[in-house]
C-alpha atoms as a PDB file:
ATOM      1  CA  MET A   1       0.032  -0.017   0.015  1.00  0.00           C
ATOM      2  CA  ARG A   2       3.143   2.257   0.101  1.00  0.00           C
ATOM      3  CA  PRO A   3       2.427   4.082   3.494  1.00  0.00           C
ATOM      4  CA  ALA A   4       5.022   6.663   2.740  1.00  0.00           C
ATOM      5  CA  ASN A   5       3.324   7.579  -0.438  1.00  0.00           C
ATOM      6  CA  ILE A   6      -0.108   7.727   1.100  1.00  0.00           C
ATOM      7  CA  ILE A   7       1.137  10.527   3.402  1.00  0.00           C
ATOM      8  CA  THR A   8       1.958  12.562   0.263  1.00  0.00           C
ATOM      9  CA  ALA A   9      -1.715  11.938  -0.951  1.00  0.00           C
ATOM     10  CA  VAL A  10      -2.954  13.344   2.346  1.00  0.00           C
ATOM     11  CA  ALA A  11      -0.719  16.453   1.725  1.00  0.00           C
ATOM     12  CA  ASP A  12      -2.418  16.838  -1.648  1.00  0.00           C
ATOM     13  CA  ILE A  13      -5.783  17.043   0.069  1.00  0.00           C
ATOM     14  CA  LEU A  14      -4.578  19.537   2.722  1.00  0.00           C
ATOM     15  CA  ALA A  15      -3.133  21.663  -0.082  1.00  0.00           C
ATOM     16  CA  GLY A  16      -6.383  21.520  -2.058  1.00  0.00           C
ATOM     17  CA  ILE A  17      -8.244  22.626   1.104  1.00  0.00           C
ATOM     18  CA  ALA A  18      -5.868  25.494   1.668  1.00  0.00           C
ATOM     19  CA  ILE A  19      -6.326  26.683  -1.778  1.00  0.00           C
ATOM     20  CA  THR A  20     -10.053  27.191  -0.929  1.00  0.00           C
ATOM     21  CA  THR A  21      -8.991  29.276   2.141  1.00  0.00           C
ATOM     22  CA  VAL A  22     -11.065  26.977   4.402  1.00  0.00           C
ATOM     23  CA  PHE A  23      -8.226  27.049   6.945  1.00  0.00           C
ATOM     24  CA  ASN A  24      -8.469  30.807   7.039  1.00  0.00           C
ATOM     25  CA  GLY A  25     -11.824  31.023   8.693  1.00  0.00           C
ATOM     26  CA  THR A  26     -14.065  27.902   8.609  1.00  0.00           C
ATOM     27  CA  PHE A  27     -11.772  25.291   9.830  1.00  0.00           C
ATOM     28  CA  LEU A  28     -13.635  24.444  12.958  1.00  0.00           C
ATOM     29  CA  GLN A  29     -16.881  23.975  10.995  1.00  0.00           C
ATOM     30  CA  SER A  30     -15.259  21.849   8.394  1.00  0.00           C
ATOM     31  CA  TRP A  31     -13.130  19.512  10.433  1.00  0.00           C
ATOM     32  CA  SER A  32     -15.311  16.397   9.731  1.00  0.00           C
ATOM     33  CA  SER A  33     -15.044  17.096   5.924  1.00  0.00           C
ATOM     34  CA  ILE A  34     -11.352  17.472   6.085  1.00  0.00           C
ATOM     35  CA  LEU A  35     -10.960  14.167   8.061  1.00  0.00           C
ATOM     36  CA  LEU A  36     -13.352  12.351   5.596  1.00  0.00           C
ATOM     37  CA  LEU A  37     -11.320  13.521   2.560  1.00  0.00           C
ATOM     38  CA  CYS A  38      -7.917  12.751   4.189  1.00  0.00           C
ATOM     39  CA  VAL A  39      -9.119   9.197   4.933  1.00  0.00           C
ATOM     40  CA  SER A  40     -10.720   8.923   1.477  1.00  0.00           C
ATOM     41  CA  THR A  41      -7.531   9.821  -0.380  1.00  0.00           C
ATOM     42  CA  ALA A  42      -5.508   7.323   1.849  1.00  0.00           C
ATOM     43  CA  CYS A  43      -7.996   4.551   0.771  1.00  0.00           C
ATOM     44  CA  LEU A  44      -7.979   5.554  -2.851  1.00  0.00           C
ATOM     45  CA  TYR A  45      -4.113   5.707  -3.148  1.00  0.00           C
ATOM     46  CA  GLY A  46      -3.701   2.393  -1.167  1.00  0.00           C
ATOM     47  CA  GLY A  47      -6.310   0.635  -3.315  1.00  0.00           C
ATOM     48  CA  GLY A  48      -4.771   1.825  -6.478  1.00  0.00           C
ATOM     49  CA  ILE A  49      -1.291   0.644  -5.380  1.00  0.00           C
ATOM     50  CA  VAL A  50      -2.665  -2.772  -4.355  1.00  0.00           C
ATOM     51  CA  PHE A  51      -4.303  -3.364  -7.664  1.00  0.00           C
ATOM     52  CA  ASN A  52      -0.963  -2.261  -9.350  1.00  0.00           C
ATOM     53  CA  ASP A  53       0.722  -5.047  -7.611  1.00  0.00           C
ATOM     54  CA  VAL A  54      -2.215  -7.511  -8.457  1.00  0.00           C
ATOM     55  CA  PHE A  55      -1.945  -6.758 -12.180  1.00  0.00           C
ATOM     56  CA  ASP A  56       1.856  -6.935 -12.042  1.00  0.00           C
ATOM     57  CA  ALA A  57       2.090 -10.204 -10.168  1.00  0.00           C
ATOM     58  CA  ASP A  58       3.754 -12.258 -12.771  1.00  0.00           C
ATOM     59  CA  LEU A  59       6.249  -9.450 -13.811  1.00  0.00           C
ATOM     60  CA  ASP A  60       7.135  -8.953 -10.100  1.00  0.00           C
ATOM     61  CA  LYS A  61       8.095 -12.633  -9.820  1.00  0.00           C
ATOM     62  CA  ILE A  62      10.951 -11.663 -12.134  1.00  0.00           C
ATOM     63  CA  GLU A  63      11.724  -8.109 -11.320  1.00  0.00           C
ATOM     64  CA  ARG A  64      10.649  -7.478  -7.772  1.00  0.00           C
ATOM     65  CA  PRO A  65      10.397 -10.946  -6.004  1.00  0.00           C
ATOM     66  CA  GLU A  66      10.486  -9.277  -2.582  1.00  0.00           C
ATOM     67  CA  ARG A  67       6.996  -7.633  -3.054  1.00  0.00           C
ATOM     68  CA  ALA A  68       3.996  -9.054  -0.985  1.00  0.00           C
ATOM     69  CA  ILE A  69       2.411 -11.095  -3.754  1.00  0.00           C
ATOM     70  CA  PRO A  70       5.457 -12.913  -5.331  1.00  0.00           C
ATOM     71  CA  SER A  71       7.043 -13.471  -1.981  1.00  0.00           C
ATOM     72  CA  GLY A  72       3.825 -15.284  -0.905  1.00  0.00           C
ATOM     73  CA  ALA A  73       2.945 -12.975   1.920  1.00  0.00           C
ATOM     74  CA  ILE A  74      -0.526 -12.529   0.486  1.00  0.00           C
ATOM     75  CA  SER A  75      -2.418 -14.183  -2.392  1.00  0.00           C
ATOM     76  CA  ILE A  76      -3.681 -12.347  -5.479  1.00  0.00           C
ATOM     77  CA  LYS A  77      -7.232 -13.043  -4.447  1.00  0.00           C
ATOM     78  CA  GLU A  78      -6.669 -11.453  -0.983  1.00  0.00           C
ATOM     79  CA  ALA A  79      -4.931  -8.557  -2.534  1.00  0.00           C
ATOM     80  CA  ALA A  80      -7.759  -8.041  -4.924  1.00  0.00           C
ATOM     81  CA  ILE A  81     -10.275  -8.022  -2.121  1.00  0.00           C
ATOM     82  CA  LEU A  82      -8.182  -5.573  -0.202  1.00  0.00           C
ATOM     83  CA  GLY A  83      -7.832  -3.206  -3.170  1.00  0.00           C
ATOM     84  CA  THR A  84     -11.648  -3.389  -3.913  1.00  0.00           C
ATOM     85  CA  VAL A  85     -12.530  -2.548  -0.297  1.00  0.00           C
ATOM     86  CA  LEU A  86     -10.100   0.368  -0.139  1.00  0.00           C
ATOM     87  CA  LEU A  87     -11.293   1.905  -3.415  1.00  0.00           C
ATOM     88  CA  SER A  88     -14.886   1.466  -2.350  1.00  0.00           C
ATOM     89  CA  LEU A  89     -14.322   2.958   0.991  1.00  0.00           C
ATOM     90  CA  GLY A  90     -12.549   5.934  -0.516  1.00  0.00           C
ATOM     91  CA  ILE A  91     -15.366   6.596  -2.881  1.00  0.00           C
ATOM     92  CA  ILE A  92     -17.973   6.341  -0.089  1.00  0.00           C
ATOM     93  CA  LEU A  93     -16.166   8.654   2.222  1.00  0.00           C
ATOM     94  CA  ALA A  94     -15.772  11.227  -0.529  1.00  0.00           C
ATOM     95  CA  PHE A  95     -19.609  11.087  -1.274  1.00  0.00           C
ATOM     96  CA  LEU A  96     -20.311  11.557   2.492  1.00  0.00           C
ATOM     97  CA  THR A  97     -18.338  14.909   2.150  1.00  0.00           C
ATOM     98  CA  ASN A  98     -20.449  16.039  -0.868  1.00  0.00           C
ATOM     99  CA  ALA A  99     -21.471  14.915  -4.338  1.00  0.00           C
ATOM    100  CA  ASN A 100     -18.683  16.726  -6.231  1.00  0.00           C
ATOM    101  CA  ALA A 101     -16.006  15.068  -4.076  1.00  0.00           C
ATOM    102  CA  GLY A 102     -17.650  11.679  -4.631  1.00  0.00           C
ATOM    103  CA  LEU A 103     -17.514  12.212  -8.443  1.00  0.00           C
ATOM    104  CA  VAL A 104     -13.793  13.176  -8.200  1.00  0.00           C
ATOM    105  CA  ALA A 105     -13.137  10.123  -6.149  1.00  0.00           C
ATOM    106  CA  LEU A 106     -14.726   7.873  -8.716  1.00  0.00           C
ATOM    107  CA  ALA A 107     -12.595   9.545 -11.382  1.00  0.00           C
ATOM    108  CA  ILE A 108      -9.453   8.821  -9.381  1.00  0.00           C
ATOM    109  CA  ALA A 109     -10.418   5.215  -8.791  1.00  0.00           C
ATOM    110  CA  PHE A 110     -11.101   4.781 -12.516  1.00  0.00           C
ATOM    111  CA  CYS A 111      -7.823   6.447 -13.542  1.00  0.00           C
ATOM    112  CA  ALA A 112      -5.872   4.309 -11.094  1.00  0.00           C
ATOM    113  CA  LEU A 113      -7.311   1.075 -12.482  1.00  0.00           C
ATOM    114  CA  VAL A 114      -6.840   2.056 -16.027  1.00  0.00           C
ATOM    115  CA  TYR A 115      -3.239   2.905 -15.273  1.00  0.00           C
ATOM    116  CA  ASP A 116      -2.743  -0.412 -13.362  1.00  0.00           C
ATOM    117  CA  GLN A 117      -4.209  -2.668 -16.008  1.00  0.00           C
ATOM    118  CA  TRP A 118      -3.455  -0.932 -19.333  1.00  0.00           C
ATOM    119  CA  ALA A 119      -1.883   2.586 -19.402  1.00  0.00           C
ATOM    120  CA  LYS A 120       1.372   1.918 -17.495  1.00  0.00           C
ATOM    121  CA  HIS A 121       2.664  -0.039 -20.631  1.00  0.00           C
ATOM    122  CA  HIS A 122       2.427   2.981 -22.832  1.00  0.00           C
ATOM    123  CA  HIS A 123       5.387   5.380 -22.833  1.00  0.00           C
ATOM    124  CA  PHE A 124       3.250   8.505 -23.043  1.00  0.00           C
ATOM    125  CA  PHE A 125      -0.175   7.749 -21.761  1.00  0.00           C
ATOM    126  CA  GLY A 126       1.126   5.813 -18.706  1.00  0.00           C
ATOM    127  CA  PRO A 127       2.983   8.826 -17.152  1.00  0.00           C
ATOM    128  CA  LEU A 128       0.006  10.960 -18.213  1.00  0.00           C
ATOM    129  CA  ASN A 129      -2.534   8.714 -16.599  1.00  0.00           C
ATOM    130  CA  MET A 130      -0.671   8.703 -13.449  1.00  0.00           C
ATOM    131  CA  GLY A 131      -0.306  12.413 -13.526  1.00  0.00           C
ATOM    132  CA  LEU A 132      -4.153  12.750 -13.845  1.00  0.00           C
ATOM    133  CA  CYS A 133      -4.566  10.735 -10.695  1.00  0.00           C
ATOM    134  CA  ARG A 134      -2.489  13.247  -8.649  1.00  0.00           C
ATOM    135  CA  GLY A 135      -4.059  16.139 -10.415  1.00  0.00           C
ATOM    136  CA  LEU A 136      -7.579  14.898  -9.470  1.00  0.00           C
ATOM    137  CA  ASN A 137      -6.318  14.244  -5.943  1.00  0.00           C
ATOM    138  CA  LEU A 138      -5.620  17.864  -5.607  1.00  0.00           C
ATOM    139  CA  LEU A 139      -9.090  18.593  -6.950  1.00  0.00           C
ATOM    140  CA  LEU A 140     -10.442  16.183  -4.325  1.00  0.00           C
ATOM    141  CA  GLY A 141      -9.053  18.461  -1.663  1.00  0.00           C
ATOM    142  CA  ILE A 142     -10.521  21.612  -3.373  1.00  0.00           C
ATOM    143  CA  SER A 143     -13.878  19.884  -3.634  1.00  0.00           C
ATOM    144  CA  ILE A 144     -14.411  20.574   0.052  1.00  0.00           C
ATOM    145  CA  VAL A 145     -15.877  23.712  -1.329  1.00  0.00           C
ATOM    146  CA  PRO A 146     -17.715  22.401  -4.422  1.00  0.00           C
ATOM    147  CA  ALA A 147     -17.913  25.670  -6.292  1.00  0.00           C
ATOM    148  CA  ALA A 148     -14.054  26.227  -5.958  1.00  0.00           C
ATOM    149  CA  ILE A 149     -13.390  23.493  -8.412  1.00  0.00           C
ATOM    150  CA  ASN A 150     -14.644  25.807 -11.197  1.00  0.00           C
ATOM    151  CA  ASN A 151     -12.256  28.490  -9.986  1.00  0.00           C
ATOM    152  CA  TRP A 152      -9.022  26.472  -9.503  1.00  0.00           C
ATOM    153  CA  TYR A 153      -9.139  23.294 -11.769  1.00  0.00           C
ATOM    154  CA  ILE A 154      -6.270  24.777 -13.753  1.00  0.00           C
ATOM    155  CA  LEU A 155      -3.962  24.274 -10.698  1.00  0.00           C
ATOM    156  CA  ALA A 156      -4.216  20.528 -11.182  1.00  0.00           C
ATOM    157  CA  ILE A 157      -1.735  21.072 -14.147  1.00  0.00           C
ATOM    158  CA  ALA A 158       1.134  21.157 -11.785  1.00  0.00           C
ATOM    159  CA  PRO A 159       0.778  17.769 -10.148  1.00  0.00           C
ATOM    160  CA  VAL A 160      -0.177  16.298 -13.680  1.00  0.00           C
ATOM    161  CA  VAL A 161       2.995  17.478 -15.217  1.00  0.00           C
ATOM    162  CA  TYR A 162       5.139  16.713 -12.046  1.00  0.00           C
ATOM    163  CA  ILE A 163       3.979  13.132 -11.758  1.00  0.00           C
ATOM    164  CA  PHE A 164       4.141  12.555 -15.523  1.00  0.00           C
ATOM    165  CA  SER A 165       7.892  13.489 -15.061  1.00  0.00           C
ATOM    166  CA  ILE A 166       8.473  11.176 -12.235  1.00  0.00           C
ATOM    167  CA  THR A 167       6.611   8.298 -13.841  1.00  0.00           C
ATOM    168  CA  MET A 168       8.528   8.724 -17.039  1.00  0.00           C
ATOM    169  CA  THR A 169      11.835   8.799 -15.076  1.00  0.00           C
ATOM    170  CA  SER A 170      10.911   5.620 -13.122  1.00  0.00           C
ATOM    171  CA  ARG A 171      10.874   3.605 -16.455  1.00  0.00           C
ATOM    172  CA  GLY A 172      14.690   3.187 -16.014  1.00  0.00           C
ATOM    173  CA  GLU A 173      14.474   2.151 -12.422  1.00  0.00           C
ATOM    174  CA  VAL A 174      15.097  -1.550 -12.958  1.00  0.00           C
ATOM    175  CA  HIS A 175      17.371  -1.624 -16.009  1.00  0.00           C
ATOM    176  CA  GLY A 176      18.594   1.837 -16.034  1.00  0.00           C
ATOM    177  CA  GLY A 177      17.447   4.749 -18.098  1.00  0.00           C
ATOM    178  CA  ASN A 178      18.582   7.270 -20.750  1.00  0.00           C
ATOM    179  CA  LYS A 179      19.640  10.769 -20.191  1.00  0.00           C
ATOM    180  CA  THR A 180      17.040  12.227 -22.636  1.00  0.00           C
ATOM    181  CA  ASN A 181      14.104  11.264 -20.361  1.00  0.00           C
ATOM    182  CA  LEU A 182      16.051  12.660 -17.362  1.00  0.00           C
ATOM    183  CA  TYR A 183      16.626  15.977 -19.104  1.00  0.00           C
ATOM    184  CA  ILE A 184      13.080  16.247 -19.984  1.00  0.00           C
ATOM    185  CA  ALA A 185      12.098  15.557 -16.338  1.00  0.00           C
ATOM    186  CA  ALA A 186      14.420  18.230 -15.162  1.00  0.00           C
ATOM    187  CA  PHE A 187      12.749  20.754 -17.593  1.00  0.00           C
ATOM    188  CA  LEU A 188       9.326  19.805 -16.523  1.00  0.00           C
ATOM    189  CA  TYR A 189      10.378  20.030 -12.872  1.00  0.00           C
ATOM    190  CA  ALA A 190      11.522  23.638 -13.460  1.00  0.00           C
ATOM    191  CA  ALA A 191       8.243  24.433 -15.334  1.00  0.00           C
ATOM    192  CA  VAL A 192       6.130  23.138 -12.365  1.00  0.00           C
ATOM    193  CA  ILE A 193       8.298  25.407  -9.924  1.00  0.00           C
ATOM    194  CA  GLY A 194       7.782  28.374 -12.269  1.00  0.00           C
ATOM    195  CA  PHE A 195       4.014  27.657 -12.423  1.00  0.00           C
ATOM    196  CA  ILE A 196       3.637  27.777  -8.667  1.00  0.00           C
ATOM    197  CA  ALA A 197       5.909  30.750  -8.425  1.00  0.00           C
ATOM    198  CA  TYR A 198       3.715  32.678 -10.797  1.00  0.00           C
ATOM    199  CA  PHE A 199       0.602  32.184  -8.615  1.00  0.00           C
ATOM    200  CA  SER A 200       2.551  32.967  -5.534  1.00  0.00           C
ATOM    201  CA  TYR A 201       3.748  36.295  -7.184  1.00  0.00           C
ATOM    202  CA  THR A 202       0.261  37.287  -8.349  1.00  0.00           C
ATOM    203  CA  ASN A 203      -1.197  36.600  -4.859  1.00  0.00           C
ATOM    204  CA  GLY A 204       1.638  38.661  -3.230  1.00  0.00           C
ATOM    205  CA  ARG A 205       2.885  35.521  -1.396  1.00  0.00           C
ATOM    206  CA  LEU A 206       6.083  34.763  -3.377  1.00  0.00           C
ATOM    207  CA  LEU A 207       8.354  35.113  -0.426  1.00  0.00           C
ATOM    208  CA  TRP A 208       6.498  32.709   1.728  1.00  0.00           C
ATOM    209  CA  SER A 209       6.064  30.232  -1.047  1.00  0.00           C
ATOM    210  CA  LEU A 210       9.772  30.340  -1.618  1.00  0.00           C
ATOM    211  CA  VAL A 211      10.281  29.024   1.934  1.00  0.00           C
ATOM    212  CA  PHE A 212       9.004  25.738   0.604  1.00  0.00           C
ATOM    213  CA  LEU A 213       9.754  25.901  -3.102  1.00  0.00           C
ATOM    214  CA  LEU A 214      13.533  26.260  -2.590  1.00  0.00           C
ATOM    215  CA  PRO A 215      13.780  23.123  -0.446  1.00  0.00           C
ATOM    216  CA  PHE A 216      11.476  21.337  -2.830  1.00  0.00           C
ATOM    217  CA  ALA A 217      13.871  22.248  -5.763  1.00  0.00           C
ATOM    218  CA  TRP A 218      16.799  21.111  -3.851  1.00  0.00           C
ATOM    219  CA  MET A 219      15.295  17.839  -2.882  1.00  0.00           C
ATOM    220  CA  ILE A 220      14.193  16.854  -6.357  1.00  0.00           C
ATOM    221  CA  PHE A 221      17.213  18.191  -8.460  1.00  0.00           C
ATOM    222  CA  LYS A 222      20.035  16.952  -6.277  1.00  0.00           C
ATOM    223  CA  PRO A 223      19.309  13.121  -6.894  1.00  0.00           C
ATOM    224  CA  LEU A 224      18.127  13.864 -10.466  1.00  0.00           C
ATOM    225  CA  THR A 225      21.496  15.487 -11.289  1.00  0.00           C
ATOM    226  CA  LYS A 226      23.228  12.372  -9.946  1.00  0.00           C
ATOM    227  CA  ALA A 227      20.984  10.199 -12.085  1.00  0.00           C
ATOM    228  CA  ILE A 228      21.688  12.219 -15.225  1.00  0.00           C
ATOM    229  CA  ALA A 229      25.520  11.909 -14.543  1.00  0.00           C
ATOM    230  CA  GLU A 230      25.217   8.137 -14.097  1.00  0.00           C
ATOM    231  CA  PRO A 231      21.881   6.880 -15.302  1.00  0.00           C
ATOM    232  CA  ILE A 232      21.834   3.434 -13.518  1.00  0.00           C
ATOM    233  CA  GLY A 233      18.959   1.718 -11.834  1.00  0.00           C
ATOM    234  CA  LYS A 234      19.910   2.687  -8.287  1.00  0.00           C
ATOM    235  CA  ASN A 235      20.384   6.399  -8.938  1.00  0.00           C
ATOM    236  CA  ILE A 236      17.058   6.595 -10.886  1.00  0.00           C
ATOM    237  CA  GLY A 237      15.367   4.880  -8.042  1.00  0.00           C
ATOM    238  CA  LEU A 238      16.643   7.377  -5.597  1.00  0.00           C
ATOM    239  CA  ALA A 239      15.623  10.301  -7.876  1.00  0.00           C
ATOM    240  CA  VAL A 240      12.124   8.796  -8.205  1.00  0.00           C
ATOM    241  CA  LYS A 241      11.906   8.335  -4.370  1.00  0.00           C
ATOM    242  CA  ALA A 242      12.858  11.939  -3.741  1.00  0.00           C
ATOM    243  CA  GLY A 243      10.403  13.155  -6.336  1.00  0.00           C
ATOM    244  CA  VAL A 244       7.503  11.290  -4.693  1.00  0.00           C
ATOM    245  CA  LEU A 245       8.335  12.344  -1.131  1.00  0.00           C
ATOM    246  CA  SER A 246       9.063  15.964  -2.045  1.00  0.00           C
ATOM    247  CA  LEU A 247       5.408  16.195  -3.162  1.00  0.00           C
ATOM    248  CA  ILE A 248       4.763  17.364   0.400  1.00  0.00           C
ATOM    249  CA  LEU A 249       6.929  20.407  -0.055  1.00  0.00           C
ATOM    250  CA  MET A 250       5.170  21.240  -3.349  1.00  0.00           C
ATOM    251  CA  ASP A 251       1.804  21.052  -1.384  1.00  0.00           C
ATOM    252  CA  ALA A 252       3.116  23.133   1.312  1.00  0.00           C
ATOM    253  CA  SER A 253       4.123  25.882  -1.212  1.00  0.00           C
ATOM    254  CA  TRP A 254       0.450  25.740  -2.589  1.00  0.00           C
ATOM    255  CA  ALA A 255      -0.908  26.370   0.970  1.00  0.00           C
ATOM    256  CA  ALA A 256       1.674  29.172   1.512  1.00  0.00           C
ATOM    257  CA  THR A 257       0.393  30.741  -1.889  1.00  0.00           C
ATOM    258  CA  PHE A 258      -3.330  30.658  -1.155  1.00  0.00           C
ATOM    259  CA  SER A 259      -3.678  30.363   2.606  1.00  0.00           C
ATOM    260  CA  SER A 260      -1.198  31.175   5.309  1.00  0.00           C
ATOM    261  CA  LEU A 261       2.029  29.927   6.662  1.00  0.00           C
ATOM    262  CA  TYR A 262       0.431  27.759   9.390  1.00  0.00           C
ATOM    263  CA  PRO A 263      -1.285  25.206   7.063  1.00  0.00           C
ATOM    264  CA  ALA A 264       1.803  25.160   4.951  1.00  0.00           C
ATOM    265  CA  LEU A 265       3.880  24.252   8.082  1.00  0.00           C
ATOM    266  CA  VAL A 266       1.349  21.567   9.076  1.00  0.00           C
ATOM    267  CA  ILE A 267       1.773  20.004   5.595  1.00  0.00           C
ATOM    268  CA  CYS A 268       5.498  20.321   5.849  1.00  0.00           C
ATOM    269  CA  CYS A 269       5.530  18.492   9.117  1.00  0.00           C
ATOM    270  CA  LEU A 270       4.205  15.335   7.177  1.00  0.00           C
ATOM    271  CA  LEU A 271       7.552  15.062   5.427  1.00  0.00           C
ATOM    272  CA  PRO A 272       9.574  13.618   8.244  1.00  0.00           C
ATOM    273  CA  LEU A 273       6.772  11.110   8.766  1.00  0.00           C
ATOM    274  CA  SER A 274       6.814  10.084   5.016  1.00  0.00           C
ATOM    275  CA  ILE A 275      10.650   9.822   5.060  1.00  0.00           C
ATOM    276  CA  TRP A 276      10.574   7.702   8.259  1.00  0.00           C
ATOM    277  CA  LEU A 277       7.896   5.394   6.712  1.00  0.00           C
ATOM    278  CA  SER A 278       9.988   5.140   3.554  1.00  0.00           C
ATOM    279  CA  LYS A 279      12.722   3.414   5.552  1.00  0.00           C
ATOM    280  CA  PHE A 280      10.450   0.474   6.278  1.00  0.00           C
ATOM    281  CA  PHE A 281       8.128   0.322   3.146  1.00  0.00           C
ATOM    282  CA  ALA A 282       8.913   0.714  -0.532  1.00  0.00           C
ATOM    283  CA  VAL A 283       8.166   3.929  -2.279  1.00  0.00           C
ATOM    284  CA  THR A 284       8.499   2.735  -5.804  1.00  0.00           C
END
């Protein structure tokens, strides 16, 4: 279920909520919806990852025999049941928040299953599909105020492009990659940072956003630079891992851009937890 990654999904939700400025004034009235959406995204992400391993069971016997299914820790049937329960629960919890949130959760579950079964094998549509899952996840947080989706749906471009880059990079994690993909990823990373900085500047919050954007840039570019210099599987894996975990800093920068420093700091505090969990559970 990738517990460390699930924490980053929760960070997406909190960032989306911060974009609606709920944290600025109606936090106490909205705490139940915030909790429902956080648990919903945890279930959706966990369910999607479980089905990823279900559909990849035969390939994992060769490439990743240590994973739960090929190692015999759980059967394919048990994993499929777990994934179904998680996805269903995620959708139900979102609908309990509001109808718009439920529809976004349905879209996330659909995109996750499409990726797991088919899209992952396509060089372009696979990364794009995975990016859509993250973009929709940000919208799931924004959906706490249903009307806000119409105002801020464009912001989903950032996680779509960012996760597209990470997924494209991860193609070389097992057997090594090529430098062209890594250079493209570096360009797209820079574009995402510029996209967030633009909104921070127009909102008069650039200074606060940079508190999180600069560590974000350092965290993603340091391992990526090493992978470009030596594109072997190990280095690419570390670059992918850093890219996933640093999503929390990107989310914190969104919060600083649209809300205040306090929710951004709360989101940022999830990073040590995610890094700690990554020491015990696989991220990629």
